[in-house]
Protein backbone atom coordinates (compact mmCIF):
# COMPACT_ATOMS: atom_id res chain seq x y z
CA MET A 1 -0.01 0.07 -0.01
CA THR A 2 2.78 2.40 0.80
CA GLU A 3 4.61 1.68 -2.29
CA LYS A 4 1.52 2.55 -4.38
CA LEU A 5 0.95 5.73 -2.43
CA MET A 6 4.56 6.62 -3.22
CA THR A 7 4.11 5.81 -6.84
CA LEU A 8 1.00 8.02 -6.92
CA TRP A 9 2.93 10.86 -5.19
CA THR A 10 6.11 10.63 -7.28
CA GLY A 11 3.94 10.73 -10.36
CA SER A 12 1.89 13.57 -9.37
CA GLY A 13 2.33 17.18 -10.91
CA LEU A 14 2.89 18.66 -7.48
CA TYR A 15 5.94 16.47 -6.78
CA ASN A 16 7.46 17.19 -10.17
CA LEU A 17 6.72 20.88 -10.22
CA ASP A 18 9.75 23.01 -10.59
CA LEU A 19 10.28 26.62 -9.86
CA GLY A 20 10.23 27.66 -13.45
CA GLN A 21 6.94 25.76 -14.17
CA GLY A 22 5.49 27.47 -11.15
CA ALA A 23 6.61 30.88 -12.28
CA MET A 24 5.00 30.28 -15.67
CA ILE A 25 1.78 29.14 -14.17
CA LEU A 26 1.67 32.47 -12.27
CA VAL A 27 2.50 34.34 -15.50
CA GLY A 28 -0.54 32.55 -17.14
CA LEU A 29 -2.67 33.65 -14.15
CA VAL A 30 -1.59 37.21 -14.54
CA LEU A 31 -2.46 37.13 -18.25
CA LEU A 32 -5.92 35.92 -17.27
CA TRP A 33 -6.23 38.68 -14.66
CA LEU A 34 -5.16 41.39 -17.27
CA ALA A 35 -7.83 39.99 -19.71
CA ILE A 36 -10.69 39.44 -17.30
CA ALA A 37 -10.16 42.34 -14.68
CA LYS A 38 -8.55 44.96 -16.89
CA ARG A 39 -10.06 43.90 -20.27
CA PHE A 40 -6.59 43.90 -21.95
CA GLU A 41 -7.20 42.12 -25.32
CA PRO A 42 -9.37 39.53 -23.62
CA LEU A 43 -10.12 37.64 -26.86
CA LEU A 44 -6.45 36.62 -27.09
CA LEU A 45 -5.03 36.90 -23.57
CA VAL A 46 -7.66 34.39 -22.05
CA PRO A 47 -6.71 31.47 -24.37
CA ILE A 48 -3.09 32.46 -24.31
CA GLY A 49 -3.01 32.57 -20.46
CA PHE A 50 -4.96 29.35 -20.09
CA GLY A 51 -2.74 27.76 -22.67
CA GLY A 52 0.37 28.81 -20.73
CA ILE A 53 -1.09 27.15 -17.64
CA LEU A 54 -1.80 23.92 -19.45
CA ALA A 55 1.69 23.88 -21.10
CA ASN A 56 3.39 23.96 -17.67
CA ILE A 57 1.55 21.28 -15.83
CA PRO A 58 4.20 18.83 -14.91
CA GLU A 59 4.26 15.34 -16.44
CA ALA A 60 1.19 16.13 -18.60
CA GLY A 61 3.20 16.94 -21.77
CA LEU A 62 0.38 18.78 -23.39
CA ALA A 63 2.60 21.04 -25.30
CA LEU A 64 5.23 18.44 -26.15
CA SER A 65 5.75 16.38 -29.28
CA ALA A 66 6.00 12.57 -29.06
CA ALA A 67 9.67 12.71 -29.34
CA GLU A 68 9.91 15.35 -26.64
CA GLN A 69 7.89 13.28 -24.39
CA ALA A 70 9.91 10.18 -25.20
CA ALA A 71 13.22 12.07 -24.54
CA HIS A 72 11.87 12.73 -21.08
CA LEU A 73 10.26 9.44 -20.28
CA ALA A 74 11.38 6.57 -22.53
CA GLY A 75 13.81 3.74 -21.79
CA PRO A 76 17.41 3.31 -22.97
CA GLU A 77 16.27 1.27 -26.05
CA VAL A 78 13.84 3.83 -27.32
CA LEU A 79 16.37 6.71 -26.69
CA GLU A 80 19.06 4.86 -28.56
CA ARG A 81 16.70 4.60 -31.63
CA MET A 82 15.83 8.22 -31.33
CA ALA A 83 19.55 9.14 -31.08
CA ALA A 84 20.21 7.19 -34.30
CA ALA A 85 17.19 8.85 -36.15
CA LEU A 86 18.63 12.26 -35.14
CA GLN A 87 22.15 11.27 -36.11
CA LEU A 88 23.27 12.11 -32.62
CA SER A 89 26.81 10.96 -31.79
CA PRO A 90 27.80 9.78 -29.44
CA SER A 91 24.41 8.38 -28.24
CA LEU A 92 23.93 7.41 -24.72
CA GLY A 93 27.50 6.37 -23.75
CA GLU A 94 27.74 9.30 -21.28
CA GLY A 95 24.78 8.06 -19.16
CA LEU A 96 21.04 7.90 -19.39
CA GLU A 97 20.28 11.53 -18.01
CA ALA A 98 23.05 12.96 -20.16
CA GLY A 99 21.46 11.23 -23.20
CA ARG A 100 18.05 12.55 -22.27
CA HIS A 101 19.58 16.17 -22.08
CA ALA A 102 21.33 15.74 -25.40
CA LEU A 103 18.25 14.60 -27.25
CA SER A 104 16.12 17.39 -25.75
CA GLU A 105 18.76 19.92 -26.91
CA VAL A 106 18.75 18.62 -30.39
CA LEU A 107 14.98 18.52 -30.53
CA HIS A 108 14.91 22.18 -29.46
CA GLY A 109 17.68 23.33 -31.74
CA ASP A 110 18.03 24.09 -35.30
CA THR A 111 17.62 20.43 -36.32
CA SER A 112 16.26 19.71 -39.83
CA PRO A 113 12.50 18.92 -40.07
CA GLU A 114 13.22 15.58 -41.71
CA LEU A 115 15.28 14.43 -38.55
CA ILE A 116 12.60 15.76 -36.27
CA ARG A 117 9.95 13.66 -38.15
CA ALA A 118 12.21 10.62 -37.98
CA ALA A 119 12.55 11.02 -34.20
CA ASN A 120 8.79 11.50 -33.75
CA ASP A 121 8.14 8.33 -35.82
CA VAL A 122 10.33 6.39 -33.51
CA ALA A 123 8.47 7.81 -30.58
CA LEU A 124 5.03 7.17 -31.90
CA ASP A 125 6.06 3.55 -32.68
CA ALA A 126 7.12 3.25 -29.12
CA GLY A 127 3.61 4.22 -27.90
CA PHE A 128 4.12 7.94 -27.14
CA ALA A 129 1.71 10.59 -28.54
CA HIS A 130 1.73 14.26 -29.44
CA GLY A 131 0.28 16.54 -26.71
CA MET A 132 -2.98 18.17 -27.31
CA LEU A 133 -1.57 21.75 -27.48
CA TYR A 134 1.30 20.52 -29.77
CA GLN A 135 -1.37 19.33 -32.24
CA PHE A 136 -3.20 22.58 -32.01
CA TYR A 137 0.08 24.45 -32.71
CA SER A 138 0.88 22.21 -35.65
CA VAL A 139 -2.50 22.76 -37.27
CA ALA A 140 -3.05 26.38 -36.41
CA ILE A 141 0.38 27.97 -36.42
CA ALA A 142 3.06 25.80 -37.90
CA SER A 143 0.96 25.37 -41.00
CA GLY A 144 0.38 29.24 -41.18
CA ILE A 145 -3.34 28.78 -41.35
CA ALA A 146 -4.58 30.61 -38.31
CA PRO A 147 -2.91 34.01 -38.72
CA LEU A 148 -4.05 34.03 -42.37
CA VAL A 149 -7.70 33.26 -41.56
CA ILE A 150 -7.67 35.94 -38.89
CA PHE A 151 -6.21 38.45 -41.44
CA MET A 152 -9.15 37.54 -43.72
CA GLY A 153 -11.56 38.28 -40.85
CA VAL A 154 -9.84 41.56 -40.06
CA GLY A 155 -10.12 42.43 -43.81
CA ALA A 156 -13.84 41.66 -43.71
CA MET A 157 -14.18 44.01 -40.66
CA THR A 158 -11.99 46.82 -42.21
CA ASP A 159 -13.52 49.97 -43.93
CA PHE A 160 -10.93 51.49 -46.49
CA GLY A 161 -13.24 54.53 -46.85
CA PRO A 162 -11.17 56.87 -44.61
CA LEU A 163 -7.98 55.91 -46.42
CA LEU A 164 -9.46 56.40 -49.90
CA ALA A 165 -11.10 59.75 -48.83
CA ASN A 166 -7.68 60.96 -47.65
CA PRO A 167 -4.93 59.09 -49.48
CA ARG A 168 -2.19 61.09 -47.82
CA THR A 169 -2.74 59.16 -44.74
CA LEU A 170 -1.18 56.23 -46.38
CA PHE A 171 2.18 57.96 -45.68
CA LEU A 172 1.43 58.00 -41.99
CA GLY A 173 0.83 54.17 -41.91
CA ALA A 174 4.11 53.64 -43.96
CA ALA A 175 6.12 55.93 -41.67
CA ALA A 176 4.90 54.02 -38.57
CA GLN A 177 6.45 50.84 -39.94
CA PHE A 178 10.01 52.44 -39.44
CA GLY A 179 9.81 51.05 -35.94
CA ILE A 180 10.05 47.45 -37.31
CA PHE A 181 13.30 48.20 -39.20
CA ALA A 182 14.86 50.27 -36.48
CA THR A 183 14.27 47.43 -33.92
CA LEU A 184 15.76 44.94 -36.38
CA LEU A 185 18.97 47.04 -36.34
CA GLY A 186 18.75 47.40 -32.59
CA ALA A 187 18.45 43.63 -32.09
CA VAL A 188 21.46 43.07 -34.41
CA GLY A 189 23.43 45.77 -32.53
CA MET A 190 22.67 44.20 -29.14
CA SER A 191 23.93 40.82 -30.40
CA ALA A 192 27.02 42.45 -31.84
CA MET A 193 27.72 44.13 -28.49
CA GLY A 194 27.35 40.77 -26.68
CA TRP A 195 24.34 41.87 -24.81
CA MET A 196 22.04 39.38 -26.40
CA ASP A 197 22.36 36.45 -28.78
CA PHE A 198 19.81 37.01 -31.52
CA SER A 199 20.32 35.71 -35.01
CA LEU A 200 19.24 37.86 -37.94
CA ASN A 201 16.01 35.84 -38.40
CA GLN A 202 15.23 36.22 -34.71
CA ALA A 203 15.94 40.01 -34.85
CA ALA A 204 13.49 40.37 -37.87
CA ALA A 205 10.80 38.44 -36.10
CA ILE A 206 11.21 40.73 -32.97
CA GLY A 207 11.10 43.78 -35.14
CA ILE A 208 7.64 43.07 -36.44
CA ILE A 209 6.32 43.61 -32.96
CA GLY A 210 6.68 47.36 -33.89
CA GLY A 211 3.79 46.94 -36.30
CA ALA A 212 1.55 46.22 -33.30
CA ASP A 213 -0.22 43.49 -35.56
CA GLY A 214 -0.58 40.25 -33.62
CA PRO A 215 -1.32 37.94 -36.46
CA THR A 216 1.43 39.35 -38.55
CA SER A 217 3.80 38.94 -35.60
CA ILE A 218 2.81 35.35 -35.15
CA TYR A 219 3.01 34.53 -38.91
CA VAL A 220 6.49 35.96 -39.31
CA SER A 221 7.88 34.39 -36.04
CA SER A 222 6.36 31.02 -37.03
CA ILE A 223 8.52 31.19 -40.23
CA LEU A 224 11.65 32.94 -39.09
CA ALA A 225 11.99 32.19 -35.36
CA PRO A 226 9.43 29.67 -34.02
CA GLU A 227 11.45 29.26 -30.91
CA LEU A 228 10.62 32.80 -29.90
CA LEU A 229 6.99 32.74 -30.86
CA GLY A 230 5.64 32.76 -27.28
CA ALA A 231 7.57 35.76 -26.13
CA ILE A 232 6.88 37.69 -29.40
CA ALA A 233 3.18 36.97 -29.44
CA VAL A 234 2.80 37.87 -25.63
CA ALA A 235 4.83 41.06 -26.20
CA SER A 236 2.83 42.06 -29.41
CA TYR A 237 -0.62 41.62 -27.91
CA SER A 238 0.42 43.12 -24.57
CA TYR A 239 1.56 46.34 -26.31
CA MET A 240 -1.62 46.38 -28.36
CA ALA A 241 -3.57 46.19 -25.20
CA LEU A 242 -1.43 48.87 -23.51
CA VAL A 243 -1.83 51.39 -26.52
CA PRO A 244 -4.00 53.71 -24.18
CA LEU A 245 -1.11 53.87 -21.77
CA ILE A 246 1.93 53.87 -24.18
CA GLN A 247 0.91 56.29 -26.84
CA PRO A 248 -0.50 59.40 -25.11
CA PRO A 249 2.81 60.54 -23.51
CA ILE A 250 4.60 60.16 -26.83
CA MET A 251 1.88 62.05 -28.65
CA ARG A 252 1.95 65.02 -26.18
CA ALA A 253 5.65 65.10 -26.13
CA LEU A 254 5.88 65.42 -29.91
CA THR A 255 3.03 67.88 -30.53
CA SER A 256 2.24 71.36 -29.45
CA LYS A 257 -1.17 72.30 -27.97
CA ARG A 258 -1.93 74.19 -31.11
CA GLU A 259 -1.14 71.19 -33.35
CA ARG A 260 -3.32 69.00 -31.26
CA GLU A 261 -6.21 71.46 -31.76
CA ILE A 262 -6.07 71.31 -35.61
CA ALA A 263 -9.54 70.56 -36.87
CA MET A 264 -9.72 68.38 -39.95
CA SER A 265 -12.38 68.94 -42.72
CA GLN A 266 -15.08 66.27 -43.14
CA LEU A 267 -14.09 63.34 -45.29
CA ARG A 268 -15.70 63.02 -48.78
CA PRO A 269 -18.09 60.27 -49.47
CA VAL A 270 -16.37 57.12 -51.02
CA SER A 271 -18.34 55.29 -53.82
CA LYS A 272 -18.95 51.52 -53.76
CA LEU A 273 -16.95 51.22 -56.98
CA GLU A 274 -13.91 52.62 -55.28
CA LYS A 275 -14.23 50.22 -52.33
CA VAL A 276 -14.51 47.21 -54.59
CA VAL A 277 -11.70 48.16 -56.86
CA PHE A 278 -9.22 49.12 -54.13
CA PRO A 279 -8.48 45.80 -52.56
CA LEU A 280 -8.14 44.26 -55.98
CA SER A 281 -5.70 47.06 -57.15
CA LEU A 282 -3.75 46.90 -53.89
CA LEU A 283 -3.24 43.15 -54.11
CA ILE A 284 -2.21 43.17 -57.77
CA LEU A 285 0.20 46.06 -57.39
CA VAL A 286 1.89 44.94 -54.20
CA VAL A 287 2.24 41.16 -54.92
CA LEU A 288 3.68 41.96 -58.49
CA PHE A 289 6.66 43.54 -56.70
CA LEU A 290 6.72 41.57 -53.53
CA PRO A 291 5.15 38.00 -53.93
CA ASP A 292 6.08 37.09 -50.32
CA ALA A 293 3.49 39.49 -49.07
CA ALA A 294 0.79 37.66 -51.01
CA PRO A 295 -0.34 35.24 -48.24
CA LEU A 296 -1.05 37.94 -45.67
CA LEU A 297 -2.20 40.77 -48.05
CA GLY A 298 -4.13 38.27 -50.19
CA MET A 299 -6.23 37.00 -47.26
CA PHE A 300 -6.68 40.67 -46.12
CA CYS A 301 -7.80 41.93 -49.44
CA PHE A 302 -10.11 38.87 -49.99
CA GLY A 303 -11.83 39.59 -46.66
CA ASN A 304 -12.35 43.12 -47.59
CA LEU A 305 -13.74 42.32 -51.08
CA MET A 306 -16.39 40.08 -49.38
CA ARG A 307 -17.38 42.91 -47.28
CA GLU A 308 -17.54 45.46 -50.05
CA CYS A 309 -18.84 43.53 -53.00
CA GLY A 310 -22.35 43.26 -51.38
CA VAL A 311 -23.19 39.88 -52.95
CA VAL A 312 -21.65 37.39 -50.34
CA GLU A 313 -23.12 38.80 -47.10
CA ARG A 314 -23.23 35.40 -45.46
CA LEU A 315 -19.51 34.71 -46.17
CA SER A 316 -18.69 38.18 -44.97
CA ASP A 317 -20.68 37.74 -41.79
CA THR A 318 -18.97 34.31 -41.16
CA ALA A 319 -15.47 35.70 -41.70
CA GLN A 320 -16.21 38.65 -39.23
CA HIS A 321 -17.73 36.62 -36.45
CA ALA A 322 -18.03 32.81 -36.31
CA LEU A 323 -14.86 31.93 -38.24
CA ILE A 324 -12.53 34.46 -36.78
CA ASN A 325 -13.74 33.77 -33.22
CA THR A 326 -13.25 29.95 -33.66
CA VAL A 327 -9.78 30.38 -35.13
CA THR A 328 -8.84 32.81 -32.31
CA ILE A 329 -9.51 30.15 -29.69
CA PHE A 330 -7.08 27.78 -31.19
CA LEU A 331 -4.58 30.38 -32.06
CA GLY A 332 -4.52 31.62 -28.52
CA LEU A 333 -4.13 28.07 -27.09
CA SER A 334 -1.32 27.36 -29.59
CA VAL A 335 0.56 30.53 -28.50
CA GLY A 336 0.18 29.58 -24.91
CA SER A 337 1.80 26.30 -25.58
CA LYS A 338 4.94 28.17 -26.35
CA LEU A 339 5.07 29.64 -22.84
CA MET A 340 6.89 26.62 -21.46
CA ALA A 341 9.28 27.48 -18.63
CA ASP A 342 12.34 25.96 -20.14
CA ARG A 343 11.93 28.13 -23.21
CA PHE A 344 10.31 31.30 -22.12
CA LEU A 345 12.21 32.03 -18.89
CA ALA A 346 15.42 33.27 -20.48
CA ILE A 347 17.32 36.57 -20.59
CA GLU A 348 16.40 36.80 -24.30
CA THR A 349 12.73 37.11 -23.27
CA LEU A 350 13.51 40.33 -21.45
CA GLY A 351 15.32 41.60 -24.55
CA ILE A 352 12.21 40.75 -26.69
CA LEU A 353 9.97 42.69 -24.26
CA ALA A 354 12.31 45.73 -24.16
CA LEU A 355 12.87 45.74 -28.07
CA GLY A 356 9.10 45.43 -28.59
CA MET A 357 8.38 48.37 -26.52
CA VAL A 358 11.09 50.42 -28.42
CA ALA A 359 9.64 49.33 -31.67
CA PHE A 360 6.22 50.43 -30.72
CA ALA A 361 7.43 53.76 -29.42
CA ILE A 362 9.47 54.47 -32.63
CA GLY A 363 6.54 53.50 -34.84
CA THR A 364 4.20 55.90 -32.90
CA ALA A 365 6.75 58.71 -33.05
CA CYS A 366 7.50 58.26 -36.76
CA GLY A 367 3.79 58.41 -37.67
CA ILE A 368 3.36 61.70 -35.77
CA LEU A 369 6.66 63.19 -37.33
CA MET A 370 5.40 62.26 -40.85
CA ALA A 371 2.15 64.15 -40.26
CA LYS A 372 4.07 67.15 -39.14
CA LEU A 373 6.21 66.85 -42.34
CA LEU A 374 3.12 66.65 -44.50
CA ASN A 375 1.88 69.76 -42.77
CA ALA A 376 4.99 71.54 -43.79
CA VAL A 377 4.61 70.68 -47.54
CA SER A 378 0.90 70.87 -47.95
CA ARG A 379 -1.88 73.37 -47.69
CA MET A 380 -4.56 71.09 -46.17
CA PRO A 381 -3.62 70.61 -42.50
CA ILE A 382 -3.45 67.26 -40.81
CA ASN A 383 -3.76 66.87 -37.00
CA PRO A 384 -0.39 65.14 -36.06
CA LEU A 385 -2.29 63.03 -33.55
CA ILE A 386 -3.69 60.77 -36.24
CA GLY A 387 -0.08 59.83 -37.24
CA SER A 388 0.15 57.68 -34.01
CA ALA A 389 -2.63 55.52 -35.45
CA GLY A 390 -0.23 54.26 -38.19
CA VAL A 391 0.71 51.42 -36.04
CA SER A 392 -1.83 48.71 -36.94
CA ALA A 393 -3.44 48.25 -33.62
CA VAL A 394 -7.03 48.47 -35.23
CA PRO A 395 -9.10 50.28 -33.88
CA MET A 396 -7.52 50.95 -30.61
CA ALA A 397 -4.93 53.28 -31.86
CA ALA A 398 -7.43 55.38 -33.77
CA ARG A 399 -9.63 55.63 -30.56
CA VAL A 400 -6.64 56.91 -28.67
CA SER A 401 -5.81 59.59 -31.32
CA ASN A 402 -9.48 60.74 -31.05
CA LYS A 403 -9.42 60.69 -27.26
CA VAL A 404 -6.21 62.81 -27.05
CA GLY A 405 -7.60 65.27 -29.66
CA LEU A 406 -10.79 65.71 -27.74
CA GLU A 407 -8.71 66.70 -24.68
CA SER A 408 -7.36 69.67 -26.50
CA ASN A 409 -10.48 70.54 -28.59
CA PRO A 410 -13.80 69.03 -27.39
CA HIS A 411 -15.34 69.66 -30.85
CA ASN A 412 -12.46 67.92 -32.87
CA PHE A 413 -13.59 64.32 -33.78
CA LEU A 414 -10.61 62.55 -35.24
CA LEU A 415 -11.79 58.98 -35.07
CA MET A 416 -12.64 58.52 -38.82
CA HIS A 417 -9.60 60.58 -39.90
CA ALA A 418 -7.40 58.32 -37.78
CA MET A 419 -8.89 54.98 -39.27
CA GLY A 420 -7.10 56.05 -42.52
CA PRO A 421 -3.52 55.61 -41.13
CA ASN A 422 -4.75 52.87 -38.95
CA VAL A 423 -5.80 50.63 -41.93
CA ALA A 424 -2.70 51.74 -43.87
CA GLY A 425 -0.60 50.47 -40.97
CA VAL A 426 -2.23 46.99 -41.46
CA ILE A 427 -1.15 47.20 -45.15
CA GLY A 428 2.27 48.43 -44.21
CA SER A 429 3.00 45.71 -41.58
CA ALA A 430 1.93 43.06 -44.16
CA VAL A 431 4.42 44.52 -46.63
CA ALA A 432 7.15 44.71 -44.14
CA ALA A 433 6.46 41.04 -43.17
CA GLY A 434 6.83 40.16 -46.83
CA VAL A 435 10.17 42.00 -47.11
CA MET A 436 11.45 40.22 -43.96
CA ILE A 437 10.37 36.82 -45.36
CA LYS A 438 11.71 37.49 -48.87
CA TYR A 439 15.29 38.17 -47.63
CA LEU A 440 15.41 36.02 -44.60
CA GLY A 441 12.81 33.12 -44.87
């Protein structure tokens, strides 16, 4: 009886819980608190936080592949076969625990997909199975499907009218993407100085945080740096949720009270023909020059075309509601699966969070400065506050521009004007992602 109780105790999660797993479970609870109590991006942070808790339950292996579970639990014979499949030499000559550690390092490293598949096949033949969250990640993110479907839903919810009515705002959205490339250079510089150890691909994936576009960040990091996906996704969505706290001080610092009081004229009506032709023209023009942007921009424009053409209301409604909500659940849980303690609790994570903040701040500042430049060279004034909406946190950034504008002039409603650079930022971040994938993917 005592032996059975000891077996039950040593196999429990509480017995096997280490400090890192406990810390990450607390992180998951904090994310849930931010989503539920503070309403910070609840649609994403609730599944991400819950997925992070599930991923760190000891001995459950919900976020592990069959090979990773076998490396942790299998006997010497299975480990020898896995080592052979991974072309690991020497295999287990240095001891069982050393062999387990070596296998885990190889599985988490830059091993070719063919060798990983071979190791998984060995583990599956030995009776091990992929964890639930691992399978969600494989289907939703590793395949690239979930971010693209969400981009289609975002396109179906987007109105290009403000951008078409004032095309100059396209420059504001483009300028705000400078934060992406500035942060790429910053990450490379930190690695060169020995502060961090980011590869060029990892630096590019971190830089995309500056676009404040969660699906784009996830899509790019899943291609260029899947090992950093958890930290990048959490940083991206956290900063999107913190837009009302991060942007106003930057906006006030870079504008005078007189500039914040600038009243913009009412936007002209935009015809249905313009709204139908624009997504088609945008797609064709961009992808002819940058085919790597076709997946993200193509789904975005397809969703918008369904919205504007007026003949597929049912499809548009599904893309805006049921489909995007369903995919968001699995996307969030899949991102949460990457919040495992052994991968998330590293000094590089702090670097990602810091660089993400810098990227977001630079993007906000560049949008405002571009608006001030346009004011210097054009007769029709632009309120510089709408430049901050060039980061593609739709529609949160536009609401913040409107709120800060109303503080200076209670009769100055900037929301629709700010939606122009806001949707331009979505286009800009997709194009920037295409550039990164083109040269580094």
